[in-house]
C-alpha cells in the first residue's frame, strides 16, 4: 500500500510573525516597563472614561499611534514616547483594539463613539455584561 506523505503543521513558533517578535521585544524590555509605570503614575485614571465623566482606574497603557506602523529606530522612538501613550482601563483598551484606529486616537471622538454605542455612563461591555456606573 503506498504511503501518502502529509506535510507537518506549522508550529506556534513558525506562525509568529516578525512584527509580533519586534513588539514582544519592546514590551519585555526594562525601558518599556519603566515608561509604562511612569505613564500610569502621571495619569492613573482611564483617559477615555475621564472624557465620558466616569472615574476608572487605568491598568493598561496603549500606543495612540501603533508602533507597528514604523520600522527600525522610528519604531523604538514611538514605542517609548510618552506623548504617544494613553492610560486606559481593561474594557476601553479591549474596545479600542476591536474598533479603534492604529493611526492615532482622538480621545474626544472615541469617547463620543463609546457614548453612542453603549450610552452615557456605561463602560464598554466586559465579557458580554453591561456595567452601569452611578
N, C-alpha and C. Protein backbone atom coordinates (compact mmCIF):
# COMPACT_ATOMS: atom_id res chain seq x y z
N UNK A 1 0.84 -1.16 0.00
CA UNK A 1 0.00 0.00 0.00
C UNK A 1 0.89 1.24 0.00
N UNK A 2 0.70 2.15 -0.93
CA UNK A 2 1.54 3.35 -0.97
C UNK A 2 1.21 4.28 0.22
N UNK A 3 2.23 4.96 0.67
CA UNK A 3 2.08 5.87 1.80
C UNK A 3 1.94 7.29 1.27
N UNK A 4 0.93 7.98 1.74
CA UNK A 4 0.70 9.37 1.35
C UNK A 4 1.36 10.28 2.38
N UNK A 5 2.33 11.06 1.95
CA UNK A 5 3.04 11.94 2.88
C UNK A 5 2.21 13.18 3.18
N UNK A 6 1.91 13.39 4.47
CA UNK A 6 1.19 14.59 4.89
C UNK A 6 2.20 15.58 5.44
N UNK A 7 2.17 16.81 4.94
CA UNK A 7 3.11 17.79 5.49
C UNK A 7 2.77 18.11 6.94
N UNK A 8 3.82 18.35 7.73
CA UNK A 8 3.61 18.68 9.14
C UNK A 8 2.99 20.06 9.25
N UNK A 9 2.16 20.21 10.26
CA UNK A 9 1.58 21.52 10.53
C UNK A 9 2.65 22.44 11.10
N UNK A 10 2.46 23.73 10.84
CA UNK A 10 3.40 24.69 11.38
C UNK A 10 3.26 24.77 12.89
N UNK A 11 4.39 24.92 13.55
CA UNK A 11 4.36 25.07 14.99
C UNK A 11 4.00 26.52 15.32
N UNK A 12 3.67 26.75 16.57
CA UNK A 12 3.32 28.09 17.03
C UNK A 12 4.48 29.04 16.77
N UNK A 13 5.68 28.57 17.00
CA UNK A 13 6.87 29.40 16.80
C UNK A 13 7.02 29.83 15.35
N UNK A 14 6.67 28.96 14.41
CA UNK A 14 6.78 29.32 13.00
C UNK A 14 5.69 30.29 12.56
N UNK A 15 4.53 30.22 13.22
CA UNK A 15 3.41 31.07 12.85
C UNK A 15 3.62 32.51 13.29
N UNK A 16 4.29 32.71 14.41
CA UNK A 16 4.51 34.07 14.92
C UNK A 16 5.24 34.91 13.89
N UNK A 17 4.71 36.07 13.69
CA UNK A 17 5.28 36.94 12.66
C UNK A 17 6.46 37.73 13.20
N UNK A 18 7.17 38.33 12.28
CA UNK A 18 8.30 39.17 12.63
C UNK A 18 7.83 40.38 13.45
N UNK A 19 6.68 40.94 13.07
CA UNK A 19 6.14 42.09 13.79
C UNK A 19 5.81 41.72 15.23
N UNK A 20 5.28 40.52 15.43
CA UNK A 20 4.97 40.04 16.77
C UNK A 20 6.24 39.99 17.61
N UNK A 21 7.30 39.45 17.05
CA UNK A 21 8.55 39.32 17.79
C UNK A 21 9.15 40.69 18.12
N UNK A 22 9.00 41.66 17.20
CA UNK A 22 9.51 43.01 17.47
C UNK A 22 8.72 43.65 18.61
N UNK A 23 7.39 43.52 18.58
CA UNK A 23 6.56 44.08 19.66
C UNK A 23 6.88 43.41 20.98
N UNK A 24 7.03 42.12 20.95
CA UNK A 24 7.34 41.37 22.17
C UNK A 24 8.66 41.82 22.78
N UNK A 25 9.63 42.09 21.93
CA UNK A 25 10.93 42.55 22.40
C UNK A 25 10.80 43.91 23.10
N UNK A 26 9.95 44.77 22.55
CA UNK A 26 9.73 46.09 23.16
C UNK A 26 9.03 45.93 24.50
N UNK A 27 7.91 45.16 24.53
CA UNK A 27 7.09 45.07 25.73
C UNK A 27 7.77 44.30 26.86
N UNK A 28 8.80 43.54 26.58
CA UNK A 28 9.52 42.83 27.63
C UNK A 28 10.76 43.58 28.11
N UNK A 29 11.03 44.74 27.50
CA UNK A 29 12.24 45.48 27.86
C UNK A 29 12.04 46.24 29.17
N UNK A 30 13.12 46.50 29.87
CA UNK A 30 13.08 47.27 31.11
C UNK A 30 12.67 48.71 30.83
N UNK A 31 13.09 49.25 29.68
CA UNK A 31 12.73 50.62 29.33
C UNK A 31 11.21 50.76 29.19
N UNK A 32 10.55 49.76 28.56
CA UNK A 32 9.10 49.82 28.42
C UNK A 32 8.42 49.73 29.79
N UNK A 33 8.91 48.85 30.64
CA UNK A 33 8.31 48.70 31.96
C UNK A 33 8.39 49.99 32.76
N UNK A 34 9.53 50.69 32.67
CA UNK A 34 9.67 51.98 33.36
C UNK A 34 8.77 53.04 32.72
N UNK A 35 8.71 53.07 31.39
CA UNK A 35 7.88 54.05 30.68
C UNK A 35 6.41 53.83 31.02
N UNK A 36 5.98 52.58 31.03
CA UNK A 36 4.58 52.24 31.33
C UNK A 36 4.22 52.66 32.75
N UNK A 37 5.07 52.33 33.72
CA UNK A 37 4.80 52.71 35.10
C UNK A 37 4.78 54.23 35.27
N UNK A 38 5.67 54.92 34.56
CA UNK A 38 5.70 56.38 34.61
C UNK A 38 4.41 56.98 34.08
N UNK A 39 3.87 56.43 32.99
CA UNK A 39 2.62 56.91 32.42
C UNK A 39 1.46 56.66 33.39
N UNK A 40 1.41 55.47 33.98
CA UNK A 40 0.34 55.17 34.93
C UNK A 40 0.45 56.02 36.20
N UNK A 41 1.67 56.40 36.55
CA UNK A 41 1.86 57.28 37.71
C UNK A 41 1.36 58.69 37.39
N UNK A 42 1.67 59.18 36.19
CA UNK A 42 1.24 60.52 35.78
C UNK A 42 -0.25 60.61 35.51
N UNK A 43 -0.84 59.54 34.94
CA UNK A 43 -2.27 59.51 34.60
C UNK A 43 -2.85 58.19 35.12
N UNK A 44 -3.25 58.14 36.40
CA UNK A 44 -3.71 56.87 36.97
C UNK A 44 -5.13 56.47 36.60
N UNK A 45 -5.89 57.36 35.96
CA UNK A 45 -7.26 57.02 35.58
C UNK A 45 -7.37 56.87 34.07
N UNK A 46 -8.37 56.11 33.63
CA UNK A 46 -8.59 55.86 32.21
C UNK A 46 -8.95 57.17 31.51
N UNK A 47 -8.21 57.51 30.47
CA UNK A 47 -8.43 58.77 29.77
C UNK A 47 -9.73 58.77 28.98
N UNK A 48 -10.14 57.63 28.45
CA UNK A 48 -11.41 57.56 27.74
C UNK A 48 -12.59 57.68 28.70
N UNK A 49 -12.52 56.99 29.82
CA UNK A 49 -13.59 57.11 30.82
C UNK A 49 -13.65 58.52 31.37
N UNK A 50 -12.49 59.16 31.60
CA UNK A 50 -12.46 60.54 32.08
C UNK A 50 -13.20 61.47 31.12
N UNK A 51 -12.98 61.27 29.82
CA UNK A 51 -13.63 62.11 28.81
C UNK A 51 -15.14 61.89 28.80
N UNK A 52 -15.59 60.76 29.34
CA UNK A 52 -17.02 60.44 29.39
C UNK A 52 -17.63 60.73 30.77
N UNK A 53 -16.83 61.26 31.69
CA UNK A 53 -17.33 61.60 33.02
C UNK A 53 -17.37 60.43 33.98
N UNK A 54 -16.61 59.39 33.71
CA UNK A 54 -16.55 58.20 34.56
C UNK A 54 -15.14 58.11 35.15
N UNK A 55 -15.04 57.81 36.42
CA UNK A 55 -13.72 57.65 37.05
C UNK A 55 -13.42 56.16 37.15
N UNK A 56 -12.39 55.73 36.42
CA UNK A 56 -12.00 54.33 36.40
C UNK A 56 -10.48 54.25 36.48
N UNK A 57 -9.97 53.34 37.26
CA UNK A 57 -8.54 53.15 37.40
C UNK A 57 -7.96 52.59 36.10
N UNK A 58 -6.88 53.18 35.63
CA UNK A 58 -6.20 52.68 34.43
C UNK A 58 -5.24 51.57 34.80
N UNK A 59 -5.24 50.50 34.01
CA UNK A 59 -4.31 49.39 34.25
C UNK A 59 -3.48 49.09 33.01
N UNK A 60 -3.88 49.63 31.86
CA UNK A 60 -3.15 49.39 30.62
C UNK A 60 -2.64 50.70 30.04
N UNK A 61 -1.54 50.60 29.30
CA UNK A 61 -1.00 51.75 28.57
C UNK A 61 -1.03 51.37 27.10
N UNK A 62 -1.68 52.20 26.30
CA UNK A 62 -1.91 51.94 24.89
C UNK A 62 -1.14 52.95 24.05
N UNK A 63 -0.58 52.50 22.92
CA UNK A 63 0.07 53.42 21.99
C UNK A 63 -1.00 54.07 21.12
N UNK A 64 -1.09 55.39 21.17
CA UNK A 64 -2.07 56.11 20.35
C UNK A 64 -1.78 55.85 18.87
N UNK A 65 -0.52 55.96 18.49
CA UNK A 65 -0.08 55.66 17.13
C UNK A 65 0.72 54.37 17.22
N UNK A 66 0.21 53.29 16.65
CA UNK A 66 0.79 51.97 16.81
C UNK A 66 2.25 51.92 16.37
N UNK A 67 3.05 51.22 17.16
CA UNK A 67 4.47 51.07 16.82
C UNK A 67 4.66 50.19 15.59
N UNK A 68 3.66 49.39 15.25
CA UNK A 68 3.78 48.52 14.08
C UNK A 68 3.68 49.29 12.77
N UNK A 69 3.31 50.57 12.85
CA UNK A 69 3.28 51.41 11.64
C UNK A 69 4.68 51.86 11.24
N UNK A 70 5.67 51.59 12.07
CA UNK A 70 7.02 52.07 11.84
C UNK A 70 8.00 50.91 11.86
N UNK A 71 9.23 51.21 11.49
CA UNK A 71 10.27 50.20 11.46
C UNK A 71 11.57 50.78 12.00
N UNK A 72 12.41 49.95 12.52
CA UNK A 72 13.74 50.34 12.95
C UNK A 72 13.74 51.32 14.11
N UNK A 73 14.57 52.38 13.96
CA UNK A 73 14.75 53.35 15.04
C UNK A 73 13.47 54.14 15.30
N UNK A 74 12.69 54.41 14.25
CA UNK A 74 11.44 55.15 14.43
C UNK A 74 10.45 54.34 15.27
N UNK A 75 10.46 53.04 15.13
CA UNK A 75 9.60 52.16 15.93
C UNK A 75 9.94 52.30 17.41
N UNK A 76 11.22 52.30 17.73
CA UNK A 76 11.66 52.44 19.11
C UNK A 76 11.34 53.82 19.66
N UNK A 77 11.48 54.83 18.80
CA UNK A 77 11.17 56.20 19.22
C UNK A 77 9.70 56.33 19.59
N UNK A 78 8.81 55.77 18.76
CA UNK A 78 7.37 55.82 19.02
C UNK A 78 6.98 54.95 20.22
N UNK A 79 7.69 53.85 20.41
CA UNK A 79 7.35 52.92 21.49
C UNK A 79 7.54 53.55 22.86
N UNK A 80 8.57 54.36 23.02
CA UNK A 80 8.90 54.92 24.33
C UNK A 80 8.55 56.39 24.47
N UNK A 81 7.86 56.96 23.48
CA UNK A 81 7.47 58.37 23.52
C UNK A 81 6.27 58.55 24.44
N UNK A 82 6.42 59.30 25.55
CA UNK A 82 5.30 59.46 26.48
C UNK A 82 4.10 60.20 25.86
N UNK A 83 4.33 61.01 24.85
CA UNK A 83 3.23 61.71 24.18
C UNK A 83 2.41 60.78 23.29
N UNK A 84 2.91 59.59 23.04
CA UNK A 84 2.23 58.61 22.19
C UNK A 84 1.46 57.58 23.04
N UNK A 85 1.43 57.77 24.35
CA UNK A 85 0.82 56.79 25.24
C UNK A 85 -0.49 57.29 25.83
N UNK A 86 -1.42 56.37 26.03
CA UNK A 86 -2.73 56.67 26.61
C UNK A 86 -2.99 55.66 27.73
N UNK A 87 -3.36 56.16 28.92
CA UNK A 87 -3.73 55.29 30.03
C UNK A 87 -5.18 54.86 29.86
N UNK A 88 -5.43 53.54 29.97
CA UNK A 88 -6.78 53.01 29.75
C UNK A 88 -7.12 51.92 30.76
N UNK A 89 -8.44 51.75 30.99
CA UNK A 89 -8.91 50.60 31.76
C UNK A 89 -8.97 49.40 30.80
N UNK A 90 -9.16 48.20 31.34
CA UNK A 90 -9.19 46.99 30.50
C UNK A 90 -10.29 47.05 29.44
N UNK A 91 -11.49 47.50 29.85
CA UNK A 91 -12.62 47.50 28.92
C UNK A 91 -12.39 48.46 27.76
N UNK A 92 -11.92 49.68 28.05
CA UNK A 92 -11.67 50.65 26.98
C UNK A 92 -10.52 50.19 26.08
N UNK A 93 -9.51 49.56 26.68
CA UNK A 93 -8.38 49.06 25.89
C UNK A 93 -8.85 47.96 24.93
N UNK A 94 -9.68 47.06 25.43
CA UNK A 94 -10.21 46.00 24.56
C UNK A 94 -11.07 46.59 23.45
N UNK A 95 -11.91 47.56 23.81
CA UNK A 95 -12.77 48.20 22.81
C UNK A 95 -11.94 48.89 21.73
N UNK A 96 -10.87 49.59 22.15
CA UNK A 96 -10.01 50.27 21.18
C UNK A 96 -9.34 49.29 20.23
N UNK A 97 -8.91 48.16 20.74
CA UNK A 97 -8.27 47.18 19.87
C UNK A 97 -9.26 46.54 18.90
N UNK A 98 -10.51 46.43 19.31
CA UNK A 98 -11.52 45.88 18.40
C UNK A 98 -11.98 46.88 17.37
N UNK A 99 -12.17 48.14 17.78
CA UNK A 99 -12.83 49.10 16.90
C UNK A 99 -12.02 50.37 16.62
N UNK A 100 -10.90 50.55 17.30
CA UNK A 100 -10.14 51.79 17.15
C UNK A 100 -9.16 51.76 15.99
N UNK A 101 -8.58 52.90 15.74
CA UNK A 101 -7.61 53.06 14.66
C UNK A 101 -6.20 52.85 15.20
N UNK A 102 -5.31 52.42 14.34
CA UNK A 102 -3.90 52.26 14.72
C UNK A 102 -3.09 53.48 14.31
N UNK A 103 -3.75 54.47 13.72
CA UNK A 103 -3.05 55.66 13.22
C UNK A 103 -3.26 56.87 14.11
N UNK A 104 -3.55 56.67 15.36
CA UNK A 104 -3.75 57.78 16.29
C UNK A 104 -5.15 57.73 16.88
N UNK A 105 -5.26 58.29 18.08
CA UNK A 105 -6.54 58.28 18.78
C UNK A 105 -6.92 59.71 19.11
N UNK A 106 -8.14 60.06 18.79
CA UNK A 106 -8.71 61.32 19.24
C UNK A 106 -9.61 60.94 20.42
N UNK A 107 -9.20 61.29 21.63
CA UNK A 107 -9.90 60.87 22.83
C UNK A 107 -11.35 61.34 22.82
N UNK A 108 -11.58 62.59 22.41
CA UNK A 108 -12.95 63.12 22.42
C UNK A 108 -13.83 62.35 21.43
N UNK A 109 -13.29 62.05 20.26
CA UNK A 109 -14.06 61.31 19.26
C UNK A 109 -14.33 59.88 19.72
N UNK A 110 -13.32 59.24 20.30
CA UNK A 110 -13.50 57.88 20.80
C UNK A 110 -14.52 57.86 21.93
N UNK A 111 -14.50 58.88 22.81
CA UNK A 111 -15.48 58.97 23.90
C UNK A 111 -16.89 59.14 23.35
N UNK A 112 -17.03 59.96 22.30
CA UNK A 112 -18.34 60.14 21.67
C UNK A 112 -18.82 58.84 21.04
N UNK A 113 -17.90 58.09 20.41
CA UNK A 113 -18.25 56.79 19.82
C UNK A 113 -18.70 55.80 20.90
N UNK A 114 -18.02 55.80 22.04
CA UNK A 114 -18.40 54.92 23.15
C UNK A 114 -19.77 55.30 23.70
N UNK A 115 -20.00 56.60 23.86
CA UNK A 115 -21.31 57.05 24.34
C UNK A 115 -22.42 56.66 23.39
N UNK A 116 -22.15 56.75 22.09
CA UNK A 116 -23.14 56.40 21.09
C UNK A 116 -23.43 54.89 21.11
N UNK A 117 -22.38 54.09 21.29
CA UNK A 117 -22.54 52.64 21.26
C UNK A 117 -23.14 52.07 22.55
N UNK A 118 -22.65 52.56 23.70
CA UNK A 118 -23.07 51.97 24.97
C UNK A 118 -23.99 52.86 25.79
N UNK A 119 -24.03 54.14 25.49
CA UNK A 119 -24.83 55.07 26.26
C UNK A 119 -23.97 55.78 27.28
N UNK A 120 -24.36 57.02 27.66
CA UNK A 120 -23.58 57.76 28.64
C UNK A 120 -23.56 57.05 29.99
N UNK A 121 -22.41 57.04 30.63
CA UNK A 121 -22.29 56.43 31.95
C UNK A 121 -22.16 54.93 31.95
N UNK A 122 -22.08 54.30 30.77
CA UNK A 122 -21.94 52.85 30.70
C UNK A 122 -20.57 52.52 30.13
N UNK A 123 -19.80 51.76 30.90
CA UNK A 123 -18.49 51.34 30.41
C UNK A 123 -18.68 50.29 29.33
N UNK A 124 -17.69 50.11 28.47
CA UNK A 124 -17.79 49.05 27.46
C UNK A 124 -18.03 47.70 28.12
N UNK A 125 -18.74 46.86 27.43
CA UNK A 125 -19.10 45.55 27.98
C UNK A 125 -17.87 44.78 28.38
N UNK A 126 -18.01 44.08 29.47
CA UNK A 126 -16.95 43.18 29.94
C UNK A 126 -17.52 41.79 29.90
N UNK A 127 -17.05 40.97 29.01
CA UNK A 127 -17.50 39.59 28.87
C UNK A 127 -19.01 39.52 28.64
N UNK A 128 -19.53 40.45 27.85
CA UNK A 128 -20.94 40.41 27.49
C UNK A 128 -21.88 40.98 28.53
N UNK A 129 -21.36 41.58 29.60
CA UNK A 129 -22.23 42.13 30.62
C UNK A 129 -22.20 43.65 30.56
N UNK A 130 -23.31 44.27 30.91
CA UNK A 130 -23.38 45.73 30.97
C UNK A 130 -23.01 46.18 32.37
N UNK A 131 -22.17 47.19 32.45
CA UNK A 131 -21.78 47.73 33.73
C UNK A 131 -22.17 49.21 33.77
N UNK A 132 -23.24 49.54 34.49
CA UNK A 132 -23.66 50.93 34.60
C UNK A 132 -22.97 51.55 35.81
N UNK A 133 -22.37 52.72 35.57
CA UNK A 133 -21.68 53.44 36.64
C UNK A 133 -22.62 54.52 37.15
N UNK A 134 -22.83 54.58 38.44
CA UNK A 134 -23.74 55.59 39.01
C UNK A 134 -22.96 56.63 39.76
